Amino acid sequence: MILFKPEHVSMIQSGRKTETRRRGKKRWKVGAIHACYTKPPFARGGAEPFAKVRILIVKPTELWKATPEDAFREGYGDVASFVSAYCRINRIDTGDNLAFGEALYEPIWAIRFEVA
């Protein structure tokens, strides 16, 4: 299971979003197929997956290393839009220089996928 924000559903279903970046420990294996949800299936009211994806690449990275190609695979038009969305989704205060600076260098995972 992989959780996404509702704003990413159409991006994933259309094939525009083919990569995601995640904090924390590595939980994805190349070749694995995961159901995609906007809320956990065991949450109140339940949830149905909106897609299934196959993991193609899992690699460690840092936010400051994001390239225009990475932003495009994330479903955004440019790096600034992608970084802004990443910070909003992960509740990183971009007005707090210390918190934002730490977030830029925090180890994260880039997970590339295809709709299965």
Protein backbone atom coordinates (compact mmCIF):
# COMPACT_ATOMS: atom_id res chain seq x y z
CA MET A 1 0.00 0.00 0.00
CA ILE A 2 1.20 3.49 -0.86
CA LEU A 3 -0.70 6.59 0.25
CA PHE A 4 -0.94 9.62 -2.01
CA LYS A 5 -2.66 12.98 -1.72
CA PRO A 6 -5.93 13.27 -3.69
CA GLU A 7 -4.25 15.84 -5.97
CA HIS A 8 -1.99 13.06 -7.27
CA VAL A 9 -4.73 10.60 -8.29
CA SER A 10 -5.29 11.94 -11.81
CA MET A 11 -1.54 12.48 -12.28
CA ILE A 12 -0.88 8.80 -11.52
CA GLN A 13 -3.84 7.46 -13.48
CA SER A 14 -2.82 9.47 -16.55
CA GLY A 15 0.83 8.41 -16.28
CA ARG A 16 2.05 11.95 -15.63
CA LYS A 17 3.32 11.15 -12.12
CA THR A 18 5.75 8.23 -12.22
CA GLU A 19 7.87 8.93 -9.17
CA THR A 20 7.42 9.80 -5.50
CA ARG A 21 9.79 10.77 -2.73
CA ARG A 22 9.36 9.43 0.76
CA ARG A 23 10.91 9.97 4.16
CA GLY A 24 11.83 7.21 6.59
CA LYS A 25 13.15 3.73 6.17
CA LYS A 26 13.18 1.86 2.88
CA ARG A 27 9.89 -0.03 2.53
CA TRP A 28 9.70 -0.71 -1.20
CA LYS A 29 11.24 -3.42 -3.36
CA VAL A 30 11.87 -3.26 -7.08
CA GLY A 31 9.28 -5.38 -8.90
CA ALA A 32 6.72 -5.26 -6.09
CA ILE A 33 3.17 -4.22 -6.90
CA HIS A 34 1.44 -1.85 -4.47
CA ALA A 35 -2.15 -0.64 -4.27
CA CYS A 36 -2.44 3.16 -4.17
CA TYR A 37 -4.87 4.87 -1.80
CA THR A 38 -5.70 8.40 -0.69
CA LYS A 39 -6.49 7.14 2.81
CA PRO A 40 -5.77 3.82 4.52
CA PRO A 41 -8.24 1.06 3.62
CA PHE A 42 -8.82 0.37 7.31
CA ALA A 43 -9.77 4.02 8.00
CA ARG A 44 -13.35 4.90 8.89
CA GLY A 45 -15.53 4.45 5.85
CA GLY A 46 -12.89 2.30 4.15
CA ALA A 47 -11.13 3.14 0.95
CA GLU A 48 -10.69 1.55 -2.44
CA PRO A 49 -7.38 1.68 -4.30
CA PHE A 50 -7.36 4.12 -7.20
CA ALA A 51 -4.47 2.34 -8.96
CA LYS A 52 -1.87 -0.38 -8.64
CA VAL A 53 1.76 0.41 -9.37
CA ARG A 54 4.87 -1.66 -10.01
CA ILE A 55 8.07 -0.37 -8.40
CA LEU A 56 10.82 0.14 -10.99
CA ILE A 57 13.60 1.94 -9.10
CA VAL A 58 14.24 2.73 -5.43
CA LYS A 59 17.20 5.00 -4.75
CA PRO A 60 18.37 7.17 -1.85
CA THR A 61 18.57 10.90 -2.54
CA GLU A 62 18.09 14.33 -0.97
CA LEU A 63 15.58 17.02 -1.84
CA TRP A 64 18.25 19.55 -2.88
CA LYS A 65 19.35 17.15 -5.63
CA ALA A 66 15.99 17.30 -7.44
CA THR A 67 16.41 18.01 -11.15
CA PRO A 68 13.89 19.30 -13.69
CA GLU A 69 13.49 15.68 -14.88
CA ASP A 70 12.74 14.57 -11.29
CA ALA A 71 10.12 17.31 -10.94
CA PHE A 72 8.52 16.22 -14.21
CA ARG A 73 8.40 12.55 -13.06
CA GLU A 74 6.82 13.80 -9.81
CA GLY A 75 4.06 15.39 -11.92
CA TYR A 76 5.18 19.03 -11.60
CA GLY A 77 6.34 21.53 -14.21
CA ASP A 78 9.48 22.67 -12.43
CA VAL A 79 11.69 22.01 -9.42
CA ALA A 80 10.31 24.95 -7.40
CA SER A 81 6.71 23.69 -7.76
CA PHE A 82 7.75 20.18 -6.81
CA VAL A 83 9.78 21.30 -3.76
CA SER A 84 6.92 23.53 -2.63
CA ALA A 85 4.43 20.64 -2.90
CA TYR A 86 6.82 18.24 -1.13
CA CYS A 87 7.23 20.67 1.76
CA ARG A 88 3.48 21.27 2.02
CA ILE A 89 2.70 17.54 1.97
CA ASN A 90 5.39 16.77 4.55
CA ARG A 91 4.49 19.80 6.68
CA ILE A 92 7.87 21.46 6.34
CA ASP A 93 7.72 25.18 7.12
CA THR A 94 9.53 26.85 4.23
CA GLY A 95 9.52 30.14 6.16
CA ASP A 96 11.65 28.55 8.88
CA ASN A 97 15.15 28.61 7.37
CA LEU A 98 16.49 25.99 9.78
CA ALA A 99 13.66 23.50 9.23
CA PHE A 100 13.72 24.04 5.47
CA GLY A 101 17.52 23.72 5.34
CA GLU A 102 17.38 20.46 7.29
CA ALA A 103 14.67 19.15 4.96
CA LEU A 104 16.80 19.87 1.90
CA TYR A 105 19.57 17.57 3.16
CA GLU A 106 17.45 14.92 4.86
CA PRO A 107 17.95 11.45 3.32
CA ILE A 108 14.82 10.44 1.41
CA TRP A 109 13.84 7.72 -1.06
CA ALA A 110 13.01 8.30 -4.72
CA ILE A 111 10.61 5.58 -5.85
CA ARG A 112 9.93 5.31 -9.57
CA PHE A 113 6.87 3.31 -10.62
CA GLU A 114 4.53 2.46 -13.47
CA VAL A 115 0.82 1.80 -13.36
CA ALA A 116 0.46 -1.99 -13.28
